[in-house]
């Protein structure tokens, strides 16, 4: 299964919480439960999509109400009046030549100040977030040309989201041996332990290889029982 197929699979399948301590893939704490890093990221993506759809549905229904239509008409008129004043400087004065100081215009000016203040706050927030992102620890992946990846790395990890996925997709280069009897299975366990201590494997690979050893141990036991039964049958 390639990377695209893996991403498609996680986007469609049901994601259940994992048991911390027993499941090696339970590495990420999300909404009071444990998941793999990819599962937690996918759950957050699903929540964001649901939240956006829920908000859009609510807005669409509100726009059909009487109060919604009035508010939209006010909003459109506000911006139309604002644009007109920007394009026609003389309109700021009354027909008698003095500044417009009517209550209706004062309400517009107060609303305009609030809109401009909110816009400045948003710009300041974006600026701070950009500075924070620029100061964030960077991915340690190095390309073949020697250039470092400049993306922010995952919290608590050494790589960014993209290169974390690339590493997860790699096949572990570790020979566990034939695993055909108890001694060879014990040797496979030692090789797996060594690879873990050397940091050659990620959590997903450890889980997959451990399961392979467990399956081999079960098969050896079952095969041994079958061989003994066949031998007994032949002797009879």
C-alpha atoms as a PDB file:
ATOM      1  CA  UNK A   1       0.000   0.000   0.000  1.00  0.00           C
ATOM      2  CA  UNK A   2       1.481   3.337  -1.063  1.00  0.00           C
ATOM      3  CA  UNK A   3       1.260   6.667   0.773  1.00  0.00           C
ATOM      4  CA  UNK A   4      -1.845   7.868  -1.091  1.00  0.00           C
ATOM      5  CA  UNK A   5      -3.695   4.633  -0.355  1.00  0.00           C
ATOM      6  CA  UNK A   6      -2.747   4.845   3.328  1.00  0.00           C
ATOM      7  CA  UNK A   7      -4.024   8.426   3.553  1.00  0.00           C
ATOM      8  CA  UNK A   8      -7.262   7.441   1.807  1.00  0.00           C
ATOM      9  CA  UNK A   9      -7.718   4.497   4.164  1.00  0.00           C
ATOM     10  CA  UNK A  10      -7.374   6.562   7.323  1.00  0.00           C
ATOM     11  CA  UNK A  11      -9.781   9.175   5.955  1.00  0.00           C
ATOM     12  CA  UNK A  12     -12.554   6.611   5.478  1.00  0.00           C
ATOM     13  CA  UNK A  13     -12.183   4.034   8.243  1.00  0.00           C
ATOM     14  CA  UNK A  14     -13.561   4.203  11.762  1.00  0.00           C
ATOM     15  CA  UNK A  15     -10.976   5.379  14.295  1.00  0.00           C
ATOM     16  CA  UNK A  16     -11.207   3.932  17.794  1.00  0.00           C
ATOM     17  CA  UNK A  17      -9.170   4.900  20.891  1.00  0.00           C
ATOM     18  CA  UNK A  18      -6.097   2.815  21.654  1.00  0.00           C
ATOM     19  CA  UNK A  19      -4.980   1.400  24.990  1.00  0.00           C
ATOM     20  CA  UNK A  20      -1.997   3.266  26.364  1.00  0.00           C
ATOM     21  CA  UNK A  21       0.810   0.982  27.511  1.00  0.00           C
ATOM     22  CA  UNK A  22      -0.335  -2.055  25.539  1.00  0.00           C
ATOM     23  CA  UNK A  23      -0.675  -0.642  22.052  1.00  0.00           C
ATOM     24  CA  UNK A  24       2.674   0.690  20.719  1.00  0.00           C
ATOM     25  CA  UNK A  25       0.772   2.983  18.333  1.00  0.00           C
ATOM     26  CA  UNK A  26      -0.957   4.811  21.192  1.00  0.00           C
ATOM     27  CA  UNK A  27       1.450   7.767  21.135  1.00  0.00           C
ATOM     28  CA  UNK A  28      -0.767  10.844  20.832  1.00  0.00           C
ATOM     29  CA  UNK A  29      -3.241  12.146  23.441  1.00  0.00           C
ATOM     30  CA  UNK A  30      -6.276  13.721  21.754  1.00  0.00           C
ATOM     31  CA  UNK A  31      -9.515  14.759  23.500  1.00  0.00           C
ATOM     32  CA  UNK A  32      -8.887  12.602  26.589  1.00  0.00           C
ATOM     33  CA  UNK A  33      -8.027   9.477  24.575  1.00  0.00           C
ATOM     34  CA  UNK A  34      -4.958   7.883  22.968  1.00  0.00           C
ATOM     35  CA  UNK A  35      -4.396   7.392  19.235  1.00  0.00           C
ATOM     36  CA  UNK A  36      -1.552   7.120  16.784  1.00  0.00           C
ATOM     37  CA  UNK A  37      -0.185  10.449  15.522  1.00  0.00           C
ATOM     38  CA  UNK A  38      -1.840   9.954  12.123  1.00  0.00           C
ATOM     39  CA  UNK A  39      -5.176   9.056  13.701  1.00  0.00           C
ATOM     40  CA  UNK A  40      -5.147  12.112  15.981  1.00  0.00           C
ATOM     41  CA  UNK A  41      -4.342  14.343  13.017  1.00  0.00           C
ATOM     42  CA  UNK A  42      -7.172  12.785  10.987  1.00  0.00           C
ATOM     43  CA  UNK A  43      -9.646  13.210  13.883  1.00  0.00           C
ATOM     44  CA  UNK A  44      -8.726  16.881  14.138  1.00  0.00           C
ATOM     45  CA  UNK A  45      -9.222  17.241  10.375  1.00  0.00           C
ATOM     46  CA  UNK A  46     -12.648  15.613  10.595  1.00  0.00           C
ATOM     47  CA  UNK A  47     -13.640  17.891  13.485  1.00  0.00           C
ATOM     48  CA  UNK A  48     -12.553  20.983  11.544  1.00  0.00           C
ATOM     49  CA  UNK A  49     -14.576  19.877   8.500  1.00  0.00           C
ATOM     50  CA  UNK A  50     -17.628  19.134  10.653  1.00  0.00           C
ATOM     51  CA  UNK A  51     -17.319  22.456  12.473  1.00  0.00           C
ATOM     52  CA  UNK A  52     -17.147  24.400   9.196  1.00  0.00           C
ATOM     53  CA  UNK A  53     -20.151  22.524   7.768  1.00  0.00           C
ATOM     54  CA  UNK A  54     -22.145  23.056  10.981  1.00  0.00           C
ATOM     55  CA  UNK A  55     -21.405  26.773  10.962  1.00  0.00           C
ATOM     56  CA  UNK A  56     -22.291  27.111   7.258  1.00  0.00           C
ATOM     57  CA  UNK A  57     -25.581  25.278   7.767  1.00  0.00           C
ATOM     58  CA  UNK A  58     -26.476  27.591  10.642  1.00  0.00           C
ATOM     59  CA  UNK A  59     -25.607  30.692   8.646  1.00  0.00           C
ATOM     60  CA  UNK A  60     -27.597  29.523   5.603  1.00  0.00           C
ATOM     61  CA  UNK A  61     -30.678  29.034   7.773  1.00  0.00           C
ATOM     62  CA  UNK A  62     -30.189  32.367   9.547  1.00  0.00           C
ATOM     63  CA  UNK A  63     -29.949  34.228   6.234  1.00  0.00           C
ATOM     64  CA  UNK A  64     -33.475  33.044   5.390  1.00  0.00           C
ATOM     65  CA  UNK A  65     -34.968  34.511   8.572  1.00  0.00           C
ATOM     66  CA  UNK A  66     -36.433  38.019   8.752  1.00  0.00           C
ATOM     67  CA  UNK A  67     -33.698  39.225  11.110  1.00  0.00           C
ATOM     68  CA  UNK A  68     -31.041  37.675   8.925  1.00  0.00           C
ATOM     69  CA  UNK A  69     -32.308  39.438   5.821  1.00  0.00           C
ATOM     70  CA  UNK A  70     -32.434  42.763   7.686  1.00  0.00           C
ATOM     71  CA  UNK A  71     -28.876  42.298   8.954  1.00  0.00           C
ATOM     72  CA  UNK A  72     -27.578  41.406   5.487  1.00  0.00           C
ATOM     73  CA  UNK A  73     -29.289  44.463   4.015  1.00  0.00           C
ATOM     74  CA  UNK A  74     -27.695  46.627   6.726  1.00  0.00           C
ATOM     75  CA  UNK A  75     -24.288  45.058   6.081  1.00  0.00           C
ATOM     76  CA  UNK A  76     -24.492  45.680   2.337  1.00  0.00           C
ATOM     77  CA  UNK A  77     -25.721  49.261   2.823  1.00  0.00           C
ATOM     78  CA  UNK A  78     -22.931  49.938   5.352  1.00  0.00           C
ATOM     79  CA  UNK A  79     -20.216  48.945   2.910  1.00  0.00           C
ATOM     80  CA  UNK A  80     -21.924  50.696   0.012  1.00  0.00           C
ATOM     81  CA  UNK A  81     -22.043  53.941   2.043  1.00  0.00           C
ATOM     82  CA  UNK A  82     -18.423  53.487   3.093  1.00  0.00           C
ATOM     83  CA  UNK A  83     -17.310  52.996  -0.506  1.00  0.00           C
ATOM     84  CA  UNK A  84     -19.348  55.995  -1.654  1.00  0.00           C
ATOM     85  CA  UNK A  85     -17.711  58.285   0.938  1.00  0.00           C
ATOM     86  CA  UNK A  86     -14.258  57.076  -0.088  1.00  0.00           C
ATOM     87  CA  UNK A  87     -14.973  57.841  -3.749  1.00  0.00           C
ATOM     88  CA  UNK A  88     -16.880  61.115  -3.124  1.00  0.00           C
ATOM     89  CA  UNK A  89     -15.097  63.236  -0.524  1.00  0.00           C
ATOM     90  CA  UNK A  90     -17.675  66.036  -0.796  1.00  0.00           C
ATOM     91  CA  UNK A  91     -20.383  63.695   0.558  1.00  0.00           C
ATOM     92  CA  UNK A  92     -19.015  64.120   4.088  1.00  0.00           C
ATOM     93  CA  UNK A  93     -20.687  67.556   4.163  1.00  0.00           C
ATOM     94  CA  UNK A  94     -24.372  68.436   4.274  1.00  0.00           C
ATOM     95  CA  UNK A  95     -26.086  70.536   1.538  1.00  0.00           C
ATOM     96  CA  UNK A  96     -25.504  73.575   3.803  1.00  0.00           C
ATOM     97  CA  UNK A  97     -21.756  73.048   3.760  1.00  0.00           C
ATOM     98  CA  UNK A  98     -21.084  71.901   7.334  1.00  0.00           C
ATOM     99  CA  UNK A  99     -19.876  68.474   8.436  1.00  0.00           C
ATOM    100  CA  UNK A 100     -22.512  65.769   8.558  1.00  0.00           C
ATOM    101  CA  UNK A 101     -23.297  65.250  12.243  1.00  0.00           C
ATOM    102  CA  UNK A 102     -26.667  63.517  12.036  1.00  0.00           C
ATOM    103  CA  UNK A 103     -27.325  60.549  14.326  1.00  0.00           C
ATOM    104  CA  UNK A 104     -27.508  58.160  11.370  1.00  0.00           C
ATOM    105  CA  UNK A 105     -24.055  59.209  10.158  1.00  0.00           C
ATOM    106  CA  UNK A 106     -22.629  59.128  13.690  1.00  0.00           C
ATOM    107  CA  UNK A 107     -23.826  55.529  13.986  1.00  0.00           C
ATOM    108  CA  UNK A 108     -22.022  54.740  10.740  1.00  0.00           C
ATOM    109  CA  UNK A 109     -18.807  56.395  11.976  1.00  0.00           C
ATOM    110  CA  UNK A 110     -18.929  54.430  15.233  1.00  0.00           C
ATOM    111  CA  UNK A 111     -19.445  51.194  13.323  1.00  0.00           C
ATOM    112  CA  UNK A 112     -16.579  52.083  10.999  1.00  0.00           C
ATOM    113  CA  UNK A 113     -14.246  52.639  13.965  1.00  0.00           C
ATOM    114  CA  UNK A 114     -15.171  49.228  15.344  1.00  0.00           C
ATOM    115  CA  UNK A 115     -14.601  47.548  11.981  1.00  0.00           C
ATOM    116  CA  UNK A 116     -11.177  49.178  11.585  1.00  0.00           C
ATOM    117  CA  UNK A 117     -10.245  48.291  15.166  1.00  0.00           C
ATOM    118  CA  UNK A 118     -11.165  44.628  14.618  1.00  0.00           C
ATOM    119  CA  UNK A 119      -9.183  44.610  11.386  1.00  0.00           C
ATOM    120  CA  UNK A 120      -6.093  45.965  13.183  1.00  0.00           C
ATOM    121  CA  UNK A 121      -6.491  43.295  15.878  1.00  0.00           C
ATOM    122  CA  UNK A 122      -6.682  40.551  13.256  1.00  0.00           C
ATOM    123  CA  UNK A 123      -3.594  41.863  11.494  1.00  0.00           C
ATOM    124  CA  UNK A 124      -1.720  42.017  14.801  1.00  0.00           C
ATOM    125  CA  UNK A 125      -2.766  38.460  15.643  1.00  0.00           C
ATOM    126  CA  UNK A 126      -1.609  37.240  12.217  1.00  0.00           C
ATOM    127  CA  UNK A 127       1.698  39.060  12.681  1.00  0.00           C
ATOM    128  CA  UNK A 128       2.276  37.457  16.101  1.00  0.00           C
ATOM    129  CA  UNK A 129       1.353  34.015  14.789  1.00  0.00           C
ATOM    130  CA  UNK A 130       3.751  34.477  11.870  1.00  0.00           C
ATOM    131  CA  UNK A 131       6.570  35.476  14.231  1.00  0.00           C
ATOM    132  CA  UNK A 132       5.779  32.477  16.428  1.00  0.00           C
ATOM    133  CA  UNK A 133       5.854  30.144  13.420  1.00  0.00           C
ATOM    134  CA  UNK A 134       9.174  31.612  12.274  1.00  0.00           C
ATOM    135  CA  UNK A 135      10.678  30.985  15.728  1.00  0.00           C
ATOM    136  CA  UNK A 136       9.351  27.416  15.905  1.00  0.00           C
ATOM    137  CA  UNK A 137      11.817  24.534  15.835  1.00  0.00           C
ATOM    138  CA  UNK A 138      12.463  23.347  12.295  1.00  0.00           C
ATOM    139  CA  UNK A 139      12.412  19.919  10.710  1.00  0.00           C
ATOM    140  CA  UNK A 140      15.825  18.187  10.798  1.00  0.00           C
ATOM    141  CA  UNK A 141      15.389  16.360   7.514  1.00  0.00           C
ATOM    142  CA  UNK A 142      18.250  17.060   5.099  1.00  0.00           C
ATOM    143  CA  UNK A 143      17.781  16.847   1.332  1.00  0.00           C
ATOM    144  CA  UNK A 144      20.334  15.293  -1.016  1.00  0.00           C
ATOM    145  CA  UNK A 145      21.660  18.744  -1.933  1.00  0.00           C
ATOM    146  CA  UNK A 146      22.454  19.407   1.730  1.00  0.00           C
ATOM    147  CA  UNK A 147      19.607  21.879   2.278  1.00  0.00           C
ATOM    148  CA  UNK A 148      17.563  21.530   5.451  1.00  0.00           C
ATOM    149  CA  UNK A 149      13.763  21.312   5.383  1.00  0.00           C
ATOM    150  CA  UNK A 150      12.421  24.623   6.704  1.00  0.00           C
ATOM    151  CA  UNK A 151       8.968  23.465   7.841  1.00  0.00           C
ATOM    152  CA  UNK A 152       8.075  23.575  11.572  1.00  0.00           C
ATOM    153  CA  UNK A 153       8.567  20.171  13.113  1.00  0.00           C
ATOM    154  CA  UNK A 154       5.920  18.219  15.019  1.00  0.00           C
ATOM    155  CA  UNK A 155       5.917  19.013  18.728  1.00  0.00           C
ATOM    156  CA  UNK A 156       8.115  16.526  20.548  1.00  0.00           C
ATOM    157  CA  UNK A 157       9.492  15.135  17.272  1.00  0.00           C
ATOM    158  CA  UNK A 158      12.478  15.856  15.036  1.00  0.00           C
ATOM    159  CA  UNK A 159      10.604  16.072  11.724  1.00  0.00           C
ATOM    160  CA  UNK A 160       7.706  17.993  10.162  1.00  0.00           C
ATOM    161  CA  UNK A 161       4.362  16.319   9.409  1.00  0.00           C
ATOM    162  CA  UNK A 162       5.336  15.459   5.836  1.00  0.00           C
ATOM    163  CA  UNK A 163       8.680  13.869   6.676  1.00  0.00           C
ATOM    164  CA  UNK A 164       7.151  12.070   9.676  1.00  0.00           C
ATOM    165  CA  UNK A 165       4.804  10.375   7.207  1.00  0.00           C
ATOM    166  CA  UNK A 166       7.684   9.593   4.865  1.00  0.00           C
ATOM    167  CA  UNK A 167       9.574   7.928   7.714  1.00  0.00           C
ATOM    168  CA  UNK A 168       6.481   5.977   8.754  1.00  0.00           C
ATOM    169  CA  UNK A 169       6.060   4.730   5.194  1.00  0.00           C
ATOM    170  CA  UNK A 170       9.604   3.337   5.042  1.00  0.00           C
ATOM    171  CA  UNK A 171      10.067  -0.369   5.505  1.00  0.00           C
ATOM    172  CA  UNK A 172      12.311  -1.308   8.387  1.00  0.00           C
ATOM    173  CA  UNK A 173      15.526  -3.015   7.231  1.00  0.00           C
ATOM    174  CA  UNK A 174      15.849  -5.720   9.875  1.00  0.00           C
ATOM    175  CA  UNK A 175      16.251  -9.458   9.349  1.00  0.00           C
ATOM    176  CA  UNK A 176      14.415 -11.391  12.055  1.00  0.00           C
ATOM    177  CA  UNK A 177      15.641 -14.721  10.726  1.00  0.00           C
ATOM    178  CA  UNK A 178      13.601 -17.845   9.847  1.00  0.00           C
ATOM    179  CA  UNK A 179      11.590 -17.959  13.138  1.00  0.00           C
ATOM    180  CA  UNK A 180      10.930 -21.677  12.655  1.00  0.00           C
ATOM    181  CA  UNK A 181      11.523 -22.892  16.215  1.00  0.00           C
ATOM    182  CA  UNK A 182      11.780 -21.567  19.770  1.00  0.00           C
ATOM    183  CA  UNK A 183      15.511 -20.753  19.476  1.00  0.00           C
ATOM    184  CA  UNK A 184      15.177 -18.809  16.212  1.00  0.00           C
ATOM    185  CA  UNK A 185      12.180 -16.908  17.606  1.00  0.00           C
ATOM    186  CA  UNK A 186      14.225 -15.945  20.668  1.00  0.00           C
ATOM    187  CA  UNK A 187      16.966 -14.733  18.329  1.00  0.00           C
ATOM    188  CA  UNK A 188      14.376 -12.646  16.427  1.00  0.00           C
ATOM    189  CA  UNK A 189      13.273 -11.063  19.700  1.00  0.00           C
ATOM    190  CA  UNK A 190      16.887 -10.123  20.488  1.00  0.00           C
ATOM    191  CA  UNK A 191      17.337  -8.582  17.026  1.00  0.00           C
ATOM    192  CA  UNK A 192      14.150  -6.576  17.456  1.00  0.00           C
ATOM    193  CA  UNK A 193      15.317  -5.372  20.866  1.00  0.00           C
ATOM    194  CA  UNK A 194      18.627  -4.289  19.394  1.00  0.00           C
ATOM    195  CA  UNK A 195      16.948  -2.369  16.583  1.00  0.00           C
ATOM    196  CA  UNK A 196      14.701  -0.611  19.094  1.00  0.00           C
ATOM    197  CA  UNK A 197      17.638   0.400  21.296  1.00  0.00           C
ATOM    198  CA  UNK A 198      19.512   1.714  18.248  1.00  0.00           C
ATOM    199  CA  UNK A 199      16.498   3.820  17.255  1.00  0.00           C
ATOM    200  CA  UNK A 200      16.094   2.183  13.856  1.00  0.00           C
ATOM    201  CA  UNK A 201      12.333   1.648  14.178  1.00  0.00           C
ATOM    202  CA  UNK A 202       9.312   3.852  14.731  1.00  0.00           C
ATOM    203  CA  UNK A 203       6.289   2.895  16.828  1.00  0.00           C
ATOM    204  CA  UNK A 204       4.345   1.496  13.886  1.00  0.00           C
ATOM    205  CA  UNK A 205       7.228  -0.721  12.744  1.00  0.00           C
ATOM    206  CA  UNK A 206       7.810  -1.996  16.281  1.00  0.00           C
ATOM    207  CA  UNK A 207       4.148  -2.965  16.564  1.00  0.00           C
ATOM    208  CA  UNK A 208       4.122  -4.721  13.198  1.00  0.00           C
ATOM    209  CA  UNK A 209       7.330  -6.686  13.846  1.00  0.00           C
ATOM    210  CA  UNK A 210       6.270  -7.628  17.379  1.00  0.00           C
ATOM    211  CA  UNK A 211       3.005  -8.966  15.979  1.00  0.00           C
ATOM    212  CA  UNK A 212       4.945 -10.944  13.348  1.00  0.00           C
ATOM    213  CA  UNK A 213       7.050 -12.577  16.071  1.00  0.00           C
ATOM    214  CA  UNK A 214       3.936 -13.339  18.115  1.00  0.00           C
ATOM    215  CA  UNK A 215       2.295 -14.946  15.084  1.00  0.00           C
ATOM    216  CA  UNK A 216       5.423 -16.997  14.352  1.00  0.00           C
ATOM    217  CA  UNK A 217       5.536 -18.228  17.969  1.00  0.00           C
ATOM    218  CA  UNK A 218       1.918 -19.327  17.738  1.00  0.00           C
ATOM    219  CA  UNK A 219       2.538 -21.091  14.446  1.00  0.00           C
ATOM    220  CA  UNK A 220       5.579 -22.931  15.837  1.00  0.00           C
ATOM    221  CA  UNK A 221       3.562 -24.189  18.799  1.00  0.00           C
ATOM    222  CA  UNK A 222       0.718 -25.272  16.554  1.00  0.00           C
ATOM    223  CA  UNK A 223       3.069 -26.898  14.060  1.00  0.00           C
ATOM    224  CA  UNK A 224       4.851 -28.813  16.851  1.00  0.00           C
ATOM    225  CA  UNK A 225       1.537 -30.175  18.125  1.00  0.00           C
ATOM    226  CA  UNK A 226       0.539 -31.275  14.619  1.00  0.00           C
ATOM    227  CA  UNK A 227       3.892 -33.012  14.053  1.00  0.00           C
ATOM    228  CA  UNK A 228       3.586 -34.936  17.341  1.00  0.00           C
ATOM    229  CA  UNK A 229       0.031 -36.007  16.441  1.00  0.00           C
ATOM    230  CA  UNK A 230       1.109 -37.187  12.993  1.00  0.00           C
ATOM    231  CA  UNK A 231       4.040 -39.145  14.480  1.00  0.00           C
ATOM    232  CA  UNK A 232       1.738 -40.816  17.002  1.00  0.00           C
ATOM    233  CA  UNK A 233      -0.701 -41.759  14.261  1.00  0.00           C
ATOM    234  CA  UNK A 234       2.088 -43.304  12.178  1.00  0.00           C
ATOM    235  CA  UNK A 235       3.357 -45.347  15.142  1.00  0.00           C
ATOM    236  CA  UNK A 236      -0.100 -46.772  15.742  1.00  0.00           C
END
